[in-house]
């Protein structure tokens, strides 16, 4: 994910981290509203509503038009849709930028074997396979017990051969298995 997109998404999530701003977006998704109407419905002061709307306008999530002396605000659905596509793109979720201190060789292995968030193949080389397995297992929660069916569903997101990947997790001691239940170690 490039730095500009990262900053944009960070601003987006910070803006939506406020309960009143989320409510404003919901109200504006229903219909166009004035500051006065929004303040009344939210039971907060008009200057507070104006402040929240300014934050949302900075992100192009809300636009304003004048009707006489009244400023009417509405949700800019196309901007919201574009941001949600950026947030939910498989590549940015499944293959995040590696940590700066991560070994260059490991980054290259991940880049070579992950395409659009899926494994192109399971590496034949033990060292490369372990890089991929560590990357996969790091997406699972610690101390959570996963039934085999759930592990299979998780692994099928990345590669069709979930049985091999499950076996490799056990053989490399990244996971333990007992009674068809798996967990990270």
N, C-alpha and C. Protein backbone atom coordinates (compact mmCIF):
# COMPACT_ATOMS: atom_id res chain seq x y z
N UNK A 1 0.86 -1.17 0.00
CA UNK A 1 0.00 0.00 0.00
C UNK A 1 0.90 1.23 0.00
N UNK A 2 0.66 2.16 -0.92
CA UNK A 2 1.54 3.32 -0.96
C UNK A 2 1.21 4.30 0.17
N UNK A 3 2.14 5.19 0.44
CA UNK A 3 2.04 6.09 1.59
C UNK A 3 0.83 7.02 1.48
N UNK A 4 0.55 7.53 0.28
CA UNK A 4 -0.58 8.44 0.10
C UNK A 4 -1.90 7.74 0.43
N UNK A 5 -2.07 6.54 -0.08
CA UNK A 5 -3.29 5.79 0.21
C UNK A 5 -3.38 5.48 1.70
N UNK A 6 -2.25 5.12 2.31
CA UNK A 6 -2.23 4.84 3.74
C UNK A 6 -2.69 6.06 4.53
N UNK A 7 -2.15 7.24 4.20
CA UNK A 7 -2.53 8.48 4.91
C UNK A 7 -4.02 8.78 4.72
N UNK A 8 -4.51 8.56 3.50
CA UNK A 8 -5.92 8.81 3.20
C UNK A 8 -6.82 7.88 4.02
N UNK A 9 -6.45 6.62 4.07
CA UNK A 9 -7.24 5.66 4.84
C UNK A 9 -7.16 5.93 6.34
N UNK A 10 -6.00 6.36 6.81
CA UNK A 10 -5.84 6.70 8.21
C UNK A 10 -6.77 7.86 8.58
N UNK A 11 -6.80 8.90 7.74
CA UNK A 11 -7.71 10.04 7.97
C UNK A 11 -9.16 9.59 7.96
N UNK A 12 -9.49 8.72 7.02
CA UNK A 12 -10.85 8.18 6.90
C UNK A 12 -11.27 7.49 8.19
N UNK A 13 -10.42 6.60 8.70
CA UNK A 13 -10.78 5.86 9.91
C UNK A 13 -10.79 6.76 11.14
N UNK A 14 -9.90 7.74 11.20
CA UNK A 14 -9.93 8.68 12.32
C UNK A 14 -11.23 9.48 12.31
N UNK A 15 -11.65 9.90 11.12
CA UNK A 15 -12.89 10.67 11.01
C UNK A 15 -14.09 9.83 11.44
N UNK A 16 -14.09 8.57 11.08
CA UNK A 16 -15.23 7.70 11.40
C UNK A 16 -15.15 7.12 12.81
N UNK A 17 -14.08 7.41 13.52
CA UNK A 17 -13.94 6.90 14.88
C UNK A 17 -14.83 7.66 15.86
N UNK A 18 -15.48 8.70 15.39
CA UNK A 18 -16.35 9.51 16.25
C UNK A 18 -17.81 9.09 16.04
N UNK A 19 -18.50 8.81 17.12
CA UNK A 19 -19.89 8.34 17.05
C UNK A 19 -20.81 9.33 16.35
N UNK A 20 -20.66 10.63 16.66
CA UNK A 20 -21.53 11.62 16.03
C UNK A 20 -21.29 11.72 14.53
N UNK A 21 -20.03 11.58 14.09
CA UNK A 21 -19.76 11.62 12.65
C UNK A 21 -20.37 10.42 11.95
N UNK A 22 -20.32 9.27 12.60
CA UNK A 22 -20.97 8.08 12.01
C UNK A 22 -22.48 8.30 11.89
N UNK A 23 -23.07 8.88 12.91
CA UNK A 23 -24.51 9.16 12.87
C UNK A 23 -24.82 10.17 11.77
N UNK A 24 -23.97 11.19 11.63
CA UNK A 24 -24.16 12.18 10.56
C UNK A 24 -24.16 11.52 9.19
N UNK A 25 -23.20 10.64 8.97
CA UNK A 25 -23.12 9.95 7.68
C UNK A 25 -24.39 9.13 7.45
N UNK A 26 -24.87 8.46 8.48
CA UNK A 26 -26.11 7.69 8.36
C UNK A 26 -27.30 8.57 8.01
N UNK A 27 -27.41 9.72 8.67
CA UNK A 27 -28.52 10.64 8.40
C UNK A 27 -28.43 11.21 6.99
N UNK A 28 -27.21 11.57 6.59
CA UNK A 28 -27.03 12.16 5.26
C UNK A 28 -27.18 11.11 4.16
N UNK A 29 -27.02 9.86 4.49
CA UNK A 29 -27.26 8.79 3.50
C UNK A 29 -28.76 8.68 3.21
N UNK A 30 -29.57 9.02 4.22
CA UNK A 30 -31.03 8.97 4.05
C UNK A 30 -31.53 10.14 3.22
N UNK A 31 -31.04 11.36 3.57
CA UNK A 31 -31.52 12.56 2.87
C UNK A 31 -30.60 13.74 3.14
N UNK A 32 -30.74 14.75 2.33
CA UNK A 32 -30.01 16.00 2.48
C UNK A 32 -30.55 16.74 3.71
N UNK A 33 -29.64 17.33 4.52
CA UNK A 33 -30.07 17.99 5.76
C UNK A 33 -29.31 19.28 5.98
N UNK A 34 -29.92 20.18 6.74
CA UNK A 34 -29.24 21.40 7.17
C UNK A 34 -28.54 21.14 8.50
N UNK A 35 -27.64 22.06 8.88
CA UNK A 35 -26.95 21.94 10.16
C UNK A 35 -27.96 21.94 11.30
N UNK A 36 -28.95 22.81 11.20
CA UNK A 36 -29.97 22.92 12.25
C UNK A 36 -30.72 21.59 12.42
N UNK A 37 -31.12 20.99 11.31
CA UNK A 37 -31.86 19.73 11.38
C UNK A 37 -30.98 18.61 11.97
N UNK A 38 -29.72 18.58 11.55
CA UNK A 38 -28.80 17.56 12.07
C UNK A 38 -28.58 17.74 13.57
N UNK A 39 -28.42 19.00 14.00
CA UNK A 39 -28.20 19.29 15.42
C UNK A 39 -29.41 18.85 16.25
N UNK A 40 -30.59 19.12 15.73
CA UNK A 40 -31.82 18.73 16.44
C UNK A 40 -31.92 17.22 16.55
N UNK A 41 -31.68 16.53 15.45
CA UNK A 41 -31.79 15.06 15.45
C UNK A 41 -30.72 14.40 16.32
N UNK A 42 -29.52 14.99 16.36
CA UNK A 42 -28.43 14.42 17.16
C UNK A 42 -28.44 14.90 18.61
N UNK A 43 -29.22 15.96 18.85
CA UNK A 43 -29.28 16.58 20.18
C UNK A 43 -27.91 17.11 20.62
N UNK A 44 -27.23 17.78 19.67
CA UNK A 44 -25.97 18.46 19.97
C UNK A 44 -26.04 19.86 19.37
N UNK A 45 -25.10 20.72 19.75
CA UNK A 45 -25.13 22.11 19.30
C UNK A 45 -24.74 22.23 17.83
N UNK A 46 -25.25 23.27 17.17
CA UNK A 46 -24.96 23.50 15.75
C UNK A 46 -23.47 23.68 15.46
N UNK A 47 -22.70 24.43 16.30
CA UNK A 47 -21.27 24.55 16.01
C UNK A 47 -20.55 23.19 16.03
N UNK A 48 -21.01 22.30 16.90
CA UNK A 48 -20.42 20.96 16.96
C UNK A 48 -20.72 20.20 15.67
N UNK A 49 -21.95 20.31 15.19
CA UNK A 49 -22.32 19.67 13.92
C UNK A 49 -21.47 20.24 12.79
N UNK A 50 -21.31 21.56 12.77
CA UNK A 50 -20.50 22.20 11.72
C UNK A 50 -19.06 21.71 11.75
N UNK A 51 -18.52 21.54 12.95
CA UNK A 51 -17.16 21.01 13.09
C UNK A 51 -17.06 19.61 12.48
N UNK A 52 -18.02 18.74 12.83
CA UNK A 52 -18.00 17.37 12.31
C UNK A 52 -18.17 17.36 10.79
N UNK A 53 -19.05 18.21 10.29
CA UNK A 53 -19.25 18.28 8.83
C UNK A 53 -17.99 18.75 8.12
N UNK A 54 -17.27 19.68 8.74
CA UNK A 54 -16.01 20.16 8.14
C UNK A 54 -15.01 19.02 8.02
N UNK A 55 -14.91 18.18 9.05
CA UNK A 55 -14.01 17.01 8.99
C UNK A 55 -14.40 16.07 7.86
N UNK A 56 -15.70 15.85 7.71
CA UNK A 56 -16.19 14.94 6.66
C UNK A 56 -16.02 15.55 5.27
N UNK A 57 -16.14 16.88 5.19
CA UNK A 57 -15.93 17.55 3.89
C UNK A 57 -14.47 17.49 3.46
N UNK A 58 -13.54 17.54 4.43
CA UNK A 58 -12.11 17.43 4.10
C UNK A 58 -11.81 16.12 3.38
N UNK A 59 -12.56 15.09 3.70
CA UNK A 59 -12.37 13.77 3.08
C UNK A 59 -13.26 13.57 1.86
N UNK A 60 -13.98 14.61 1.48
CA UNK A 60 -14.94 14.54 0.36
C UNK A 60 -16.04 13.52 0.60
N UNK A 61 -16.36 13.26 1.86
CA UNK A 61 -17.44 12.34 2.17
C UNK A 61 -18.79 13.05 2.18
N UNK A 62 -18.74 14.37 2.38
CA UNK A 62 -19.94 15.19 2.46
C UNK A 62 -19.74 16.42 1.58
N UNK A 63 -20.80 16.80 0.87
CA UNK A 63 -20.75 18.05 0.10
C UNK A 63 -21.87 18.95 0.58
N UNK A 64 -21.73 20.24 0.25
CA UNK A 64 -22.69 21.23 0.71
C UNK A 64 -23.16 22.04 -0.48
N UNK A 65 -24.45 22.39 -0.46
CA UNK A 65 -24.98 23.32 -1.46
C UNK A 65 -25.84 24.34 -0.72
N UNK A 66 -25.91 25.54 -1.30
CA UNK A 66 -26.71 26.61 -0.69
C UNK A 66 -28.09 26.64 -1.32
N UNK A 67 -29.06 26.85 -0.46
CA UNK A 67 -30.44 27.07 -0.90
C UNK A 67 -30.93 28.28 -0.12
N UNK A 68 -30.80 29.45 -0.73
CA UNK A 68 -31.09 30.69 -0.03
C UNK A 68 -30.02 30.91 1.03
N UNK A 69 -30.43 31.08 2.28
CA UNK A 69 -29.49 31.24 3.39
C UNK A 69 -29.15 29.92 4.07
N UNK A 70 -29.74 28.86 3.60
CA UNK A 70 -29.55 27.55 4.24
C UNK A 70 -28.47 26.75 3.51
N UNK A 71 -27.61 26.15 4.28
CA UNK A 71 -26.60 25.24 3.73
C UNK A 71 -27.12 23.82 3.91
N UNK A 72 -27.25 23.11 2.80
CA UNK A 72 -27.73 21.73 2.85
C UNK A 72 -26.57 20.79 2.55
N UNK A 73 -26.46 19.76 3.36
CA UNK A 73 -25.36 18.80 3.24
C UNK A 73 -25.91 17.45 2.78
N UNK A 74 -25.12 16.77 1.98
CA UNK A 74 -25.49 15.41 1.59
C UNK A 74 -24.25 14.54 1.47
N UNK A 75 -24.48 13.25 1.59
CA UNK A 75 -23.39 12.27 1.54
C UNK A 75 -22.88 12.15 0.12
N UNK A 76 -21.58 12.14 -0.02
CA UNK A 76 -20.93 11.93 -1.32
C UNK A 76 -20.65 10.43 -1.43
N UNK A 77 -21.64 9.69 -1.90
CA UNK A 77 -21.56 8.23 -1.90
C UNK A 77 -20.41 7.70 -2.76
N UNK A 78 -20.08 8.40 -3.84
CA UNK A 78 -18.99 7.91 -4.71
C UNK A 78 -17.66 7.92 -3.97
N UNK A 79 -17.40 8.95 -3.17
CA UNK A 79 -16.15 8.99 -2.40
C UNK A 79 -16.11 7.88 -1.36
N UNK A 80 -17.24 7.66 -0.71
CA UNK A 80 -17.32 6.60 0.29
C UNK A 80 -17.10 5.24 -0.37
N UNK A 81 -17.69 5.06 -1.53
CA UNK A 81 -17.53 3.79 -2.26
C UNK A 81 -16.07 3.58 -2.67
N UNK A 82 -15.41 4.63 -3.15
CA UNK A 82 -14.01 4.51 -3.57
C UNK A 82 -13.12 4.15 -2.38
N UNK A 83 -13.33 4.84 -1.25
CA UNK A 83 -12.53 4.53 -0.06
C UNK A 83 -12.79 3.11 0.42
N UNK A 84 -14.03 2.67 0.38
CA UNK A 84 -14.31 1.31 0.83
C UNK A 84 -13.66 0.29 -0.10
N UNK A 85 -13.58 0.58 -1.39
CA UNK A 85 -12.89 -0.33 -2.32
C UNK A 85 -11.41 -0.39 -1.99
N UNK A 86 -10.81 0.77 -1.65
CA UNK A 86 -9.39 0.79 -1.28
C UNK A 86 -9.16 -0.01 -0.01
N UNK A 87 -10.05 0.16 0.95
CA UNK A 87 -9.91 -0.53 2.23
C UNK A 87 -10.06 -2.04 2.05
N UNK A 88 -11.01 -2.42 1.24
CA UNK A 88 -11.33 -3.84 1.12
C UNK A 88 -10.64 -4.55 -0.03
N UNK A 89 -9.73 -3.86 -0.71
CA UNK A 89 -9.05 -4.54 -1.82
C UNK A 89 -8.25 -5.71 -1.26
N UNK A 90 -8.40 -6.85 -1.89
CA UNK A 90 -7.74 -8.07 -1.43
C UNK A 90 -6.24 -7.90 -1.30
N UNK A 91 -5.65 -7.22 -2.26
CA UNK A 91 -4.19 -7.09 -2.25
C UNK A 91 -3.72 -6.32 -1.02
N UNK A 92 -4.42 -5.24 -0.66
CA UNK A 92 -3.96 -4.45 0.48
C UNK A 92 -4.23 -5.15 1.81
N UNK A 93 -5.23 -6.03 1.85
CA UNK A 93 -5.50 -6.76 3.09
C UNK A 93 -4.59 -7.97 3.20
N UNK A 94 -4.55 -8.78 2.16
CA UNK A 94 -3.85 -10.06 2.23
C UNK A 94 -2.35 -9.94 2.09
N UNK A 95 -1.88 -8.90 1.42
CA UNK A 95 -0.44 -8.78 1.21
C UNK A 95 0.03 -7.38 1.62
N UNK A 96 -0.04 -7.07 2.92
CA UNK A 96 0.39 -5.76 3.36
C UNK A 96 1.88 -5.57 3.14
N UNK A 97 2.28 -4.31 3.11
CA UNK A 97 3.70 -4.02 2.98
C UNK A 97 4.43 -4.66 4.15
N UNK A 98 5.54 -5.30 3.90
CA UNK A 98 6.29 -5.92 4.99
C UNK A 98 6.89 -4.86 5.90
N UNK A 99 7.20 -5.27 7.11
CA UNK A 99 7.84 -4.37 8.06
C UNK A 99 9.19 -3.94 7.51
N UNK A 100 9.61 -2.70 7.77
CA UNK A 100 10.88 -2.21 7.23
C UNK A 100 12.08 -3.06 7.65
N UNK A 101 12.05 -3.65 8.85
CA UNK A 101 13.20 -4.41 9.32
C UNK A 101 13.13 -5.89 8.90
N UNK A 102 12.10 -6.25 8.15
CA UNK A 102 11.98 -7.63 7.69
C UNK A 102 13.04 -7.90 6.64
N UNK A 103 13.52 -9.09 6.64
CA UNK A 103 14.58 -9.49 5.72
C UNK A 103 14.14 -9.29 4.27
N UNK A 104 15.03 -8.69 3.47
CA UNK A 104 14.76 -8.42 2.07
C UNK A 104 14.41 -9.69 1.31
N UNK A 105 15.12 -10.76 1.60
CA UNK A 105 14.86 -12.03 0.92
C UNK A 105 13.44 -12.53 1.20
N UNK A 106 12.98 -12.41 2.45
CA UNK A 106 11.63 -12.84 2.80
C UNK A 106 10.59 -12.02 2.06
N UNK A 107 10.83 -10.72 1.94
CA UNK A 107 9.91 -9.86 1.19
C UNK A 107 9.82 -10.31 -0.27
N UNK A 108 10.97 -10.68 -0.83
CA UNK A 108 10.99 -11.13 -2.22
C UNK A 108 10.21 -12.44 -2.36
N UNK A 109 10.38 -13.35 -1.42
CA UNK A 109 9.64 -14.62 -1.46
C UNK A 109 8.13 -14.34 -1.42
N UNK A 110 7.70 -13.49 -0.50
CA UNK A 110 6.28 -13.16 -0.41
C UNK A 110 5.78 -12.55 -1.72
N UNK A 111 6.57 -11.65 -2.27
CA UNK A 111 6.18 -10.99 -3.53
C UNK A 111 6.10 -12.01 -4.67
N UNK A 112 7.05 -12.93 -4.70
CA UNK A 112 7.09 -13.93 -5.78
C UNK A 112 5.93 -14.92 -5.71
N UNK A 113 5.51 -15.28 -4.50
CA UNK A 113 4.52 -16.34 -4.36
C UNK A 113 3.09 -15.86 -4.09
N UNK A 114 2.92 -14.59 -3.75
CA UNK A 114 1.58 -14.06 -3.49
C UNK A 114 1.16 -13.15 -4.63
N UNK A 115 0.07 -13.50 -5.27
CA UNK A 115 -0.49 -12.66 -6.32
C UNK A 115 -1.95 -12.40 -6.01
N UNK A 116 -2.27 -11.13 -5.85
CA UNK A 116 -3.63 -10.71 -5.50
C UNK A 116 -4.12 -11.42 -4.24
N UNK A 117 -3.21 -11.57 -3.29
CA UNK A 117 -3.59 -12.14 -2.00
C UNK A 117 -3.67 -13.65 -1.96
N UNK A 118 -3.35 -14.33 -3.05
CA UNK A 118 -3.39 -15.79 -3.09
C UNK A 118 -2.03 -16.35 -3.43
N UNK A 119 -1.78 -17.57 -2.95
CA UNK A 119 -0.54 -18.26 -3.27
C UNK A 119 -0.60 -18.76 -4.70
N UNK A 120 0.40 -18.42 -5.50
CA UNK A 120 0.44 -18.94 -6.87
C UNK A 120 0.79 -20.42 -6.84
N UNK A 121 1.61 -20.82 -5.87
CA UNK A 121 1.97 -22.23 -5.65
C UNK A 121 2.61 -22.35 -4.28
N UNK A 122 2.67 -23.56 -3.77
CA UNK A 122 3.38 -23.81 -2.51
C UNK A 122 4.85 -24.02 -2.88
N UNK A 123 5.75 -23.22 -2.33
CA UNK A 123 7.16 -23.34 -2.71
C UNK A 123 7.72 -24.74 -2.44
N UNK A 124 8.55 -25.22 -3.35
CA UNK A 124 9.21 -26.52 -3.19
C UNK A 124 10.34 -26.41 -2.17
N UNK A 125 11.00 -25.28 -2.14
CA UNK A 125 12.12 -25.05 -1.22
C UNK A 125 11.59 -24.93 0.21
N UNK A 126 12.19 -25.67 1.13
CA UNK A 126 11.79 -25.66 2.54
C UNK A 126 11.85 -24.24 3.10
N UNK A 127 12.95 -23.51 2.86
CA UNK A 127 13.11 -22.16 3.41
C UNK A 127 12.01 -21.22 2.91
N UNK A 128 11.74 -21.27 1.61
CA UNK A 128 10.70 -20.40 1.05
C UNK A 128 9.32 -20.80 1.58
N UNK A 129 9.09 -22.09 1.70
CA UNK A 129 7.81 -22.58 2.21
C UNK A 129 7.60 -22.09 3.64
N UNK A 130 8.65 -22.09 4.45
CA UNK A 130 8.53 -21.62 5.83
C UNK A 130 8.19 -20.13 5.90
N UNK A 131 8.72 -19.33 4.98
CA UNK A 131 8.37 -17.90 4.93
C UNK A 131 6.87 -17.76 4.68
N UNK A 132 6.37 -18.51 3.70
CA UNK A 132 4.94 -18.45 3.37
C UNK A 132 4.09 -18.95 4.54
N UNK A 133 4.51 -20.05 5.16
CA UNK A 133 3.76 -20.61 6.29
C UNK A 133 3.72 -19.63 7.46
N UNK A 134 4.85 -18.98 7.75
CA UNK A 134 4.87 -17.98 8.84
C UNK A 134 3.92 -16.83 8.52
N UNK A 135 3.93 -16.39 7.26
CA UNK A 135 3.04 -15.30 6.85
C UNK A 135 1.57 -15.72 7.05
N UNK A 136 1.25 -16.93 6.64
CA UNK A 136 -0.13 -17.42 6.80
C UNK A 136 -0.52 -17.54 8.27
N UNK A 137 0.33 -18.18 9.07
CA UNK A 137 -0.02 -18.43 10.47
C UNK A 137 -0.12 -17.11 11.25
N UNK A 138 0.62 -16.10 10.84
CA UNK A 138 0.55 -14.81 11.53
C UNK A 138 -0.79 -14.11 11.32
N UNK A 139 -1.60 -14.61 10.41
CA UNK A 139 -2.93 -14.04 10.20
C UNK A 139 -3.98 -14.72 11.08
N UNK A 140 -3.56 -15.73 11.82
CA UNK A 140 -4.46 -16.42 12.74
C UNK A 140 -4.26 -15.88 14.16
N UNK A 141 -5.30 -15.95 14.96
CA UNK A 141 -5.24 -15.43 16.33
C UNK A 141 -4.49 -16.38 17.25
N UNK A 142 -3.75 -15.80 18.20
CA UNK A 142 -3.09 -16.59 19.24
C UNK A 142 -4.16 -17.14 20.17
N UNK A 143 -3.90 -18.29 20.73
CA UNK A 143 -4.73 -18.92 21.76
C UNK A 143 -6.14 -19.28 21.30
N UNK A 144 -6.46 -19.06 20.03
CA UNK A 144 -7.77 -19.47 19.54
C UNK A 144 -7.67 -20.90 19.02
N UNK A 145 -8.68 -21.69 19.33
CA UNK A 145 -8.75 -23.07 18.84
C UNK A 145 -9.58 -23.07 17.56
N UNK A 146 -9.01 -23.63 16.50
CA UNK A 146 -9.67 -23.67 15.21
C UNK A 146 -10.06 -25.10 14.84
N UNK A 147 -11.34 -25.38 14.66
CA UNK A 147 -11.72 -26.70 14.15
C UNK A 147 -11.13 -26.87 12.74
N UNK A 148 -10.89 -28.12 12.35
CA UNK A 148 -10.27 -28.38 11.05
C UNK A 148 -11.05 -27.73 9.90
N UNK A 149 -12.36 -27.74 9.99
CA UNK A 149 -13.19 -27.13 8.95
C UNK A 149 -12.89 -25.63 8.81
N UNK A 150 -12.69 -24.96 9.94
CA UNK A 150 -12.40 -23.52 9.94
C UNK A 150 -11.00 -23.25 9.37
N UNK A 151 -10.03 -24.09 9.74
CA UNK A 151 -8.67 -23.95 9.19
C UNK A 151 -8.70 -24.15 7.68
N UNK A 152 -9.46 -25.16 7.24
CA UNK A 152 -9.58 -25.40 5.79
C UNK A 152 -10.16 -24.19 5.08
N UNK A 153 -11.23 -23.62 5.63
CA UNK A 153 -11.85 -22.45 5.01
C UNK A 153 -10.87 -21.29 4.94
N UNK A 154 -10.11 -21.09 6.02
CA UNK A 154 -9.09 -20.03 6.04
C UNK A 154 -8.05 -20.27 4.95
N UNK A 155 -7.51 -21.48 4.89
CA UNK A 155 -6.44 -21.78 3.93
C UNK A 155 -6.92 -21.75 2.49
N UNK A 156 -8.17 -22.12 2.25
CA UNK A 156 -8.71 -22.11 0.88
C UNK A 156 -8.80 -20.70 0.31
N UNK A 157 -8.77 -19.69 1.18
CA UNK A 157 -8.72 -18.30 0.69
C UNK A 157 -7.41 -18.03 -0.05
N UNK A 158 -6.38 -18.82 0.30
CA UNK A 158 -5.04 -18.56 -0.22
C UNK A 158 -4.56 -19.61 -1.22
N UNK A 159 -5.02 -20.85 -1.08
CA UNK A 159 -4.55 -21.91 -1.97
C UNK A 159 -5.52 -23.09 -1.90
N UNK A 160 -5.65 -23.80 -3.01
CA UNK A 160 -6.61 -24.91 -3.09
C UNK A 160 -6.19 -26.12 -2.26
N UNK A 161 -4.89 -26.28 -1.96
CA UNK A 161 -4.41 -27.48 -1.25
C UNK A 161 -4.29 -27.22 0.25
N UNK A 162 -5.43 -27.14 0.91
CA UNK A 162 -5.43 -26.84 2.35
C UNK A 162 -4.82 -27.98 3.17
N UNK A 163 -4.96 -29.21 2.71
CA UNK A 163 -4.42 -30.36 3.47
C UNK A 163 -2.90 -30.28 3.58
N UNK A 164 -2.23 -29.95 2.48
CA UNK A 164 -0.77 -29.81 2.52
C UNK A 164 -0.36 -28.68 3.45
N UNK A 165 -1.04 -27.55 3.36
CA UNK A 165 -0.70 -26.41 4.22
C UNK A 165 -0.93 -26.75 5.69
N UNK A 166 -2.00 -27.46 6.00
CA UNK A 166 -2.26 -27.89 7.39
C UNK A 166 -1.13 -28.77 7.89
N UNK A 167 -0.75 -29.77 7.08
CA UNK A 167 0.35 -30.68 7.45
C UNK A 167 1.63 -29.90 7.68
N UNK A 168 1.91 -28.94 6.80
CA UNK A 168 3.13 -28.14 6.91
C UNK A 168 3.12 -27.31 8.19
N UNK A 169 1.97 -26.77 8.58
CA UNK A 169 1.88 -26.03 9.85
C UNK A 169 2.34 -26.91 11.01
N UNK A 170 1.91 -28.18 11.01
CA UNK A 170 2.26 -29.10 12.09
C UNK A 170 3.73 -29.48 12.01
N UNK A 171 4.20 -29.83 10.80
CA UNK A 171 5.59 -30.27 10.62
C UNK A 171 6.60 -29.18 10.98
N UNK A 172 6.26 -27.93 10.69
CA UNK A 172 7.17 -26.82 11.01
C UNK A 172 6.96 -26.29 12.42
N UNK A 173 6.05 -26.92 13.15
CA UNK A 173 5.74 -26.56 14.53
C UNK A 173 5.26 -25.12 14.67
N UNK A 174 4.50 -24.68 13.69
CA UNK A 174 3.85 -23.38 13.79
C UNK A 174 2.47 -23.53 14.43
N UNK A 175 1.92 -24.75 14.35
CA UNK A 175 0.63 -25.05 14.95
C UNK A 175 0.68 -26.45 15.57
N UNK A 176 -0.25 -26.68 16.48
CA UNK A 176 -0.44 -28.01 17.08
C UNK A 176 -1.83 -28.47 16.68
N UNK A 177 -2.02 -29.81 16.75
CA UNK A 177 -3.31 -30.38 16.40
C UNK A 177 -3.65 -31.49 17.39
N UNK A 178 -4.91 -31.48 17.83
CA UNK A 178 -5.41 -32.55 18.69
C UNK A 178 -6.90 -32.68 18.45
N UNK A 179 -7.35 -33.89 18.14
CA UNK A 179 -8.78 -34.15 17.88
C UNK A 179 -9.35 -33.22 16.81
N UNK A 180 -8.60 -33.04 15.73
CA UNK A 180 -9.02 -32.19 14.61
C UNK A 180 -9.24 -30.73 15.00
N UNK A 181 -8.55 -30.28 16.04
CA UNK A 181 -8.57 -28.88 16.46
C UNK A 181 -7.14 -28.36 16.39
N UNK A 182 -6.96 -27.17 15.79
CA UNK A 182 -5.64 -26.59 15.57
C UNK A 182 -5.49 -25.30 16.37
N UNK A 183 -4.25 -25.01 16.78
CA UNK A 183 -3.94 -23.74 17.44
C UNK A 183 -2.49 -23.39 17.19
N UNK A 184 -2.22 -22.07 17.25
CA UNK A 184 -0.85 -21.57 17.05
C UNK A 184 0.01 -21.88 18.26
N UNK A 185 1.31 -22.09 17.99
CA UNK A 185 2.25 -22.26 19.11
C UNK A 185 3.46 -21.37 18.89
